[in-house]
Amino acid sequence: MSTKKHTRLHIASCLAVLFLLLVLDVSWGEDLLPGKPSRQDKCPVCGMFVYKYPDWVGEIVFKNGKRVFFDGAKDLFKYYFDLKKYAPGSSIEDIAAAFVSEYYAMKPIKAEDCFFVIGSDVYGPMGRELIPLSSATDAETFMSDHKGKTILKFRDVTRETIEKLD
């Protein structure tokens, strides 16, 4: 094989591999499943053992595969808003997925898909908490039943929202 053909083949192969890597990276977040905390997993925000609170588990999954567990949505958001403190060198762009435990089903759902009720009379392991619900209807019902003050989507929760819960 001539050097010219060999070089073209090498370049084409490299481009094909790069294309596959890009496609796999983009689609990886779509198929991620929530994990389960081990008995050793501690919430990086408060230091509590997460496995003791299975109905409140939150999780952030980074694109590099690292999983971080929390004992509630409030601590997940504290971590998310202060990656510089809790995950130096990481950015929001490094996050592949975030999961929270849906209040009624007590099963993990994608945080970006749920509705959070703020200011209710339901407390989590760390006190006042954002209560994750899978639908607007469930959130409205929960808010009525538990004296909630507002409903927010993931993108609408702010650092100030979290600070007011402490």
C-alpha atoms as a PDB file:
ATOM      1  CA  MET A   1       0.000   0.000   0.000  1.00  0.00           C
ATOM      2  CA  SER A   2       1.353   3.404  -0.892  1.00  0.00           C
ATOM      3  CA  THR A   3       2.122   5.981   1.780  1.00  0.00           C
ATOM      4  CA  LYS A   4      -0.535   8.315   0.366  1.00  0.00           C
ATOM      5  CA  LYS A   5      -3.270   5.643   0.614  1.00  0.00           C
ATOM      6  CA  HIS A   6      -2.066   4.628   4.056  1.00  0.00           C
ATOM      7  CA  THR A   7      -2.246   8.252   5.265  1.00  0.00           C
ATOM      8  CA  ARG A   8      -5.776   8.707   3.870  1.00  0.00           C
ATOM      9  CA  LEU A   9      -6.902   5.467   5.484  1.00  0.00           C
ATOM     10  CA  HIS A  10      -5.376   6.514   8.797  1.00  0.00           C
ATOM     11  CA  ILE A  11      -7.095   9.931   8.671  1.00  0.00           C
ATOM     12  CA  ALA A  12     -10.445   8.362   7.738  1.00  0.00           C
ATOM     13  CA  SER A  13     -10.130   5.878  10.610  1.00  0.00           C
ATOM     14  CA  CYS A  14      -9.327   8.645  13.099  1.00  0.00           C
ATOM     15  CA  LEU A  15     -12.294  10.707  11.918  1.00  0.00           C
ATOM     16  CA  ALA A  16     -14.607   7.698  12.244  1.00  0.00           C
ATOM     17  CA  VAL A  17     -13.415   7.042  15.805  1.00  0.00           C
ATOM     18  CA  LEU A  18     -13.841  10.724  16.752  1.00  0.00           C
ATOM     19  CA  PHE A  19     -17.343  10.728  15.298  1.00  0.00           C
ATOM     20  CA  LEU A  20     -18.274   7.622  17.315  1.00  0.00           C
ATOM     21  CA  LEU A  21     -16.854   9.124  20.501  1.00  0.00           C
ATOM     22  CA  LEU A  22     -18.906  12.276  20.016  1.00  0.00           C
ATOM     23  CA  VAL A  23     -22.076  10.309  19.332  1.00  0.00           C
ATOM     24  CA  LEU A  24     -21.526   8.026  22.326  1.00  0.00           C
ATOM     25  CA  ASP A  25     -20.802  10.954  24.645  1.00  0.00           C
ATOM     26  CA  VAL A  26     -23.975  12.763  23.624  1.00  0.00           C
ATOM     27  CA  SER A  27     -26.197   9.702  23.946  1.00  0.00           C
ATOM     28  CA  TRP A  28     -24.663   8.412  27.190  1.00  0.00           C
ATOM     29  CA  GLY A  29     -26.657  10.801  29.372  1.00  0.00           C
ATOM     30  CA  GLU A  30     -29.909   9.691  27.764  1.00  0.00           C
ATOM     31  CA  ASP A  31     -29.551   6.060  28.858  1.00  0.00           C
ATOM     32  CA  LEU A  32     -28.065   6.533  32.314  1.00  0.00           C
ATOM     33  CA  LEU A  33     -29.837   4.723  35.088  1.00  0.00           C
ATOM     34  CA  PRO A  34     -29.800   5.812  38.711  1.00  0.00           C
ATOM     35  CA  GLY A  35     -27.423   4.030  41.039  1.00  0.00           C
ATOM     36  CA  LYS A  36     -27.889   2.857  44.592  1.00  0.00           C
ATOM     37  CA  PRO A  37     -25.745   4.230  47.414  1.00  0.00           C
ATOM     38  CA  SER A  38     -23.537   1.792  49.292  1.00  0.00           C
ATOM     39  CA  ARG A  39     -23.240   1.713  53.075  1.00  0.00           C
ATOM     40  CA  GLN A  40     -20.051   3.782  52.707  1.00  0.00           C
ATOM     41  CA  ASP A  41     -21.537   6.618  50.622  1.00  0.00           C
ATOM     42  CA  LYS A  42     -21.745   9.842  52.592  1.00  0.00           C
ATOM     43  CA  CYS A  43     -23.457  13.005  51.472  1.00  0.00           C
ATOM     44  CA  PRO A  44     -20.599  15.360  50.541  1.00  0.00           C
ATOM     45  CA  VAL A  45     -22.579  18.349  51.818  1.00  0.00           C
ATOM     46  CA  CYS A  46     -23.618  17.241  55.320  1.00  0.00           C
ATOM     47  CA  GLY A  47     -21.597  14.051  55.900  1.00  0.00           C
ATOM     48  CA  MET A  48     -24.580  11.812  56.684  1.00  0.00           C
ATOM     49  CA  PHE A  49     -24.673   8.208  55.429  1.00  0.00           C
ATOM     50  CA  VAL A  50     -27.054   8.261  52.475  1.00  0.00           C
ATOM     51  CA  TYR A  51     -28.194   4.607  52.626  1.00  0.00           C
ATOM     52  CA  LYS A  52     -30.029   5.364  55.884  1.00  0.00           C
ATOM     53  CA  TYR A  53     -32.491   7.575  53.987  1.00  0.00           C
ATOM     54  CA  PRO A  54     -33.523   5.540  50.910  1.00  0.00           C
ATOM     55  CA  ASP A  55     -36.724   7.538  50.389  1.00  0.00           C
ATOM     56  CA  TRP A  56     -34.758  10.784  50.018  1.00  0.00           C
ATOM     57  CA  VAL A  57     -31.745   9.792  47.891  1.00  0.00           C
ATOM     58  CA  GLY A  58     -30.438  12.237  45.319  1.00  0.00           C
ATOM     59  CA  GLU A  59     -27.629  11.500  42.881  1.00  0.00           C
ATOM     60  CA  ILE A  60     -25.426  13.357  40.448  1.00  0.00           C
ATOM     61  CA  VAL A  61     -23.669  11.338  37.743  1.00  0.00           C
ATOM     62  CA  PHE A  62     -20.687  12.892  36.009  1.00  0.00           C
ATOM     63  CA  LYS A  63     -19.779  12.170  32.394  1.00  0.00           C
ATOM     64  CA  ASN A  64     -16.611  10.420  33.604  1.00  0.00           C
ATOM     65  CA  GLY A  65     -18.814   7.883  35.438  1.00  0.00           C
ATOM     66  CA  LYS A  66     -18.352   9.234  38.967  1.00  0.00           C
ATOM     67  CA  ARG A  67     -21.529   9.065  41.061  1.00  0.00           C
ATOM     68  CA  VAL A  68     -22.218  11.271  44.066  1.00  0.00           C
ATOM     69  CA  PHE A  69     -25.124  10.544  46.434  1.00  0.00           C
ATOM     70  CA  PHE A  70     -27.086  12.897  48.686  1.00  0.00           C
ATOM     71  CA  ASP A  71     -29.571  12.498  51.532  1.00  0.00           C
ATOM     72  CA  GLY A  72     -32.073  14.801  49.853  1.00  0.00           C
ATOM     73  CA  ALA A  73     -32.704  17.154  46.965  1.00  0.00           C
ATOM     74  CA  LYS A  74     -31.681  20.180  49.041  1.00  0.00           C
ATOM     75  CA  ASP A  75     -28.118  18.916  49.498  1.00  0.00           C
ATOM     76  CA  LEU A  76     -27.989  17.871  45.830  1.00  0.00           C
ATOM     77  CA  PHE A  77     -28.766  21.471  44.870  1.00  0.00           C
ATOM     78  CA  LYS A  78     -26.221  22.857  47.362  1.00  0.00           C
ATOM     79  CA  TYR A  79     -23.576  20.688  45.697  1.00  0.00           C
ATOM     80  CA  TYR A  80     -24.794  21.609  42.201  1.00  0.00           C
ATOM     81  CA  PHE A  81     -24.639  25.342  42.937  1.00  0.00           C
ATOM     82  CA  ASP A  82     -21.186  25.116  44.542  1.00  0.00           C
ATOM     83  CA  LEU A  83     -19.228  22.616  42.444  1.00  0.00           C
ATOM     84  CA  LYS A  84     -16.126  24.723  42.999  1.00  0.00           C
ATOM     85  CA  LYS A  85     -16.275  23.805  46.708  1.00  0.00           C
ATOM     86  CA  TYR A  86     -17.483  20.193  46.501  1.00  0.00           C
ATOM     87  CA  ALA A  87     -16.016  19.007  43.178  1.00  0.00           C
ATOM     88  CA  PRO A  88     -13.037  21.255  42.364  1.00  0.00           C
ATOM     89  CA  GLY A  89     -12.196  21.214  38.683  1.00  0.00           C
ATOM     90  CA  SER A  90     -15.717  20.123  37.699  1.00  0.00           C
ATOM     91  CA  SER A  91     -18.385  22.207  36.023  1.00  0.00           C
ATOM     92  CA  ILE A  92     -22.090  21.843  35.336  1.00  0.00           C
ATOM     93  CA  GLU A  93     -21.168  20.765  31.799  1.00  0.00           C
ATOM     94  CA  ASP A  94     -19.429  17.716  33.331  1.00  0.00           C
ATOM     95  CA  ILE A  95     -22.724  16.439  34.768  1.00  0.00           C
ATOM     96  CA  ALA A  96     -24.396  13.701  32.733  1.00  0.00           C
ATOM     97  CA  ALA A  97     -27.536  13.294  34.868  1.00  0.00           C
ATOM     98  CA  ALA A  98     -29.131  14.061  38.221  1.00  0.00           C
ATOM     99  CA  PHE A  99     -31.733  11.935  39.981  1.00  0.00           C
ATOM    100  CA  VAL A 100     -33.997  12.508  42.982  1.00  0.00           C
ATOM    101  CA  SER A 101     -36.432  10.231  44.822  1.00  0.00           C
ATOM    102  CA  GLU A 102     -40.013  10.925  43.765  1.00  0.00           C
ATOM    103  CA  TYR A 103     -42.079  11.482  46.912  1.00  0.00           C
ATOM    104  CA  TYR A 104     -45.088   9.258  46.194  1.00  0.00           C
ATOM    105  CA  ALA A 105     -43.430   6.432  44.231  1.00  0.00           C
ATOM    106  CA  MET A 106     -40.250   6.528  46.348  1.00  0.00           C
ATOM    107  CA  LYS A 107     -38.282   5.738  43.196  1.00  0.00           C
ATOM    108  CA  PRO A 108     -35.577   7.751  41.450  1.00  0.00           C
ATOM    109  CA  ILE A 109     -36.538  10.038  38.589  1.00  0.00           C
ATOM    110  CA  LYS A 110     -34.518  12.501  36.549  1.00  0.00           C
ATOM    111  CA  ALA A 111     -34.314  15.751  38.484  1.00  0.00           C
ATOM    112  CA  GLU A 112     -34.804  17.793  35.318  1.00  0.00           C
ATOM    113  CA  ASP A 113     -38.200  16.128  34.732  1.00  0.00           C
ATOM    114  CA  CYS A 114     -39.760  16.593  38.145  1.00  0.00           C
ATOM    115  CA  PHE A 115     -41.663  19.328  39.939  1.00  0.00           C
ATOM    116  CA  PHE A 116     -40.318  20.484  43.311  1.00  0.00           C
ATOM    117  CA  VAL A 117     -42.689  21.712  46.015  1.00  0.00           C
ATOM    118  CA  ILE A 118     -41.075  24.281  48.287  1.00  0.00           C
ATOM    119  CA  GLY A 119     -42.173  25.303  51.789  1.00  0.00           C
ATOM    120  CA  SER A 120     -44.350  22.329  52.753  1.00  0.00           C
ATOM    121  CA  ASP A 121     -44.863  20.786  56.187  1.00  0.00           C
ATOM    122  CA  VAL A 122     -42.942  17.651  55.089  1.00  0.00           C
ATOM    123  CA  TYR A 123     -39.363  17.524  56.341  1.00  0.00           C
ATOM    124  CA  GLY A 124     -36.470  15.418  55.058  1.00  0.00           C
ATOM    125  CA  PRO A 125     -33.354  14.136  56.845  1.00  0.00           C
ATOM    126  CA  MET A 126     -31.864  17.661  56.835  1.00  0.00           C
ATOM    127  CA  GLY A 127     -35.036  19.526  57.787  1.00  0.00           C
ATOM    128  CA  ARG A 128     -36.963  21.668  55.319  1.00  0.00           C
ATOM    129  CA  GLU A 129     -36.704  20.095  51.893  1.00  0.00           C
ATOM    130  CA  LEU A 130     -37.656  20.400  48.236  1.00  0.00           C
ATOM    131  CA  ILE A 131     -40.199  17.661  47.605  1.00  0.00           C
ATOM    132  CA  PRO A 132     -39.774  16.023  44.153  1.00  0.00           C
ATOM    133  CA  LEU A 133     -42.924  14.951  42.310  1.00  0.00           C
ATOM    134  CA  SER A 134     -43.304  13.456  38.851  1.00  0.00           C
ATOM    135  CA  SER A 135     -46.211  15.548  37.558  1.00  0.00           C
ATOM    136  CA  ALA A 136     -47.695  19.010  37.898  1.00  0.00           C
ATOM    137  CA  THR A 137     -50.945  17.434  39.106  1.00  0.00           C
ATOM    138  CA  ASP A 138     -49.159  15.499  41.869  1.00  0.00           C
ATOM    139  CA  ALA A 139     -47.257  18.642  42.830  1.00  0.00           C
ATOM    140  CA  GLU A 140     -50.470  20.680  43.074  1.00  0.00           C
ATOM    141  CA  THR A 141     -52.164  17.970  45.148  1.00  0.00           C
ATOM    142  CA  PHE A 142     -49.134  17.660  47.429  1.00  0.00           C
ATOM    143  CA  MET A 143     -48.917  21.449  47.781  1.00  0.00           C
ATOM    144  CA  SER A 144     -52.569  21.616  48.815  1.00  0.00           C
ATOM    145  CA  ASP A 145     -52.306  18.668  51.238  1.00  0.00           C
ATOM    146  CA  HIS A 146     -49.033  19.793  52.838  1.00  0.00           C
ATOM    147  CA  LYS A 147     -49.249  23.591  52.843  1.00  0.00           C
ATOM    148  CA  GLY A 148     -46.596  24.054  50.178  1.00  0.00           C
ATOM    149  CA  LYS A 149     -45.781  27.561  49.038  1.00  0.00           C
ATOM    150  CA  THR A 150     -44.598  27.136  45.438  1.00  0.00           C
ATOM    151  CA  ILE A 151     -43.788  24.651  42.684  1.00  0.00           C
ATOM    152  CA  LEU A 152     -40.551  24.911  40.710  1.00  0.00           C
ATOM    153  CA  LYS A 153     -38.920  22.946  37.909  1.00  0.00           C
ATOM    154  CA  PHE A 154     -35.214  22.038  38.216  1.00  0.00           C
ATOM    155  CA  ARG A 155     -34.131  24.940  35.985  1.00  0.00           C
ATOM    156  CA  ASP A 156     -36.066  27.407  38.181  1.00  0.00           C
ATOM    157  CA  VAL A 157     -34.483  26.422  41.504  1.00  0.00           C
ATOM    158  CA  THR A 158     -31.854  28.978  42.526  1.00  0.00           C
ATOM    159  CA  ARG A 159     -29.158  29.229  45.146  1.00  0.00           C
ATOM    160  CA  GLU A 160     -31.466  31.662  46.991  1.00  0.00           C
ATOM    161  CA  THR A 161     -34.292  29.089  46.953  1.00  0.00           C
ATOM    162  CA  ILE A 162     -32.006  26.633  48.738  1.00  0.00           C
ATOM    163  CA  GLU A 163     -30.646  29.194  51.214  1.00  0.00           C
ATOM    164  CA  LYS A 164     -34.197  30.040  52.318  1.00  0.00           C
ATOM    165  CA  LEU A 165     -34.753  26.388  53.281  1.00  0.00           C
ATOM    166  CA  ASP A 166     -31.935  26.400  55.850  1.00  0.00           C
END
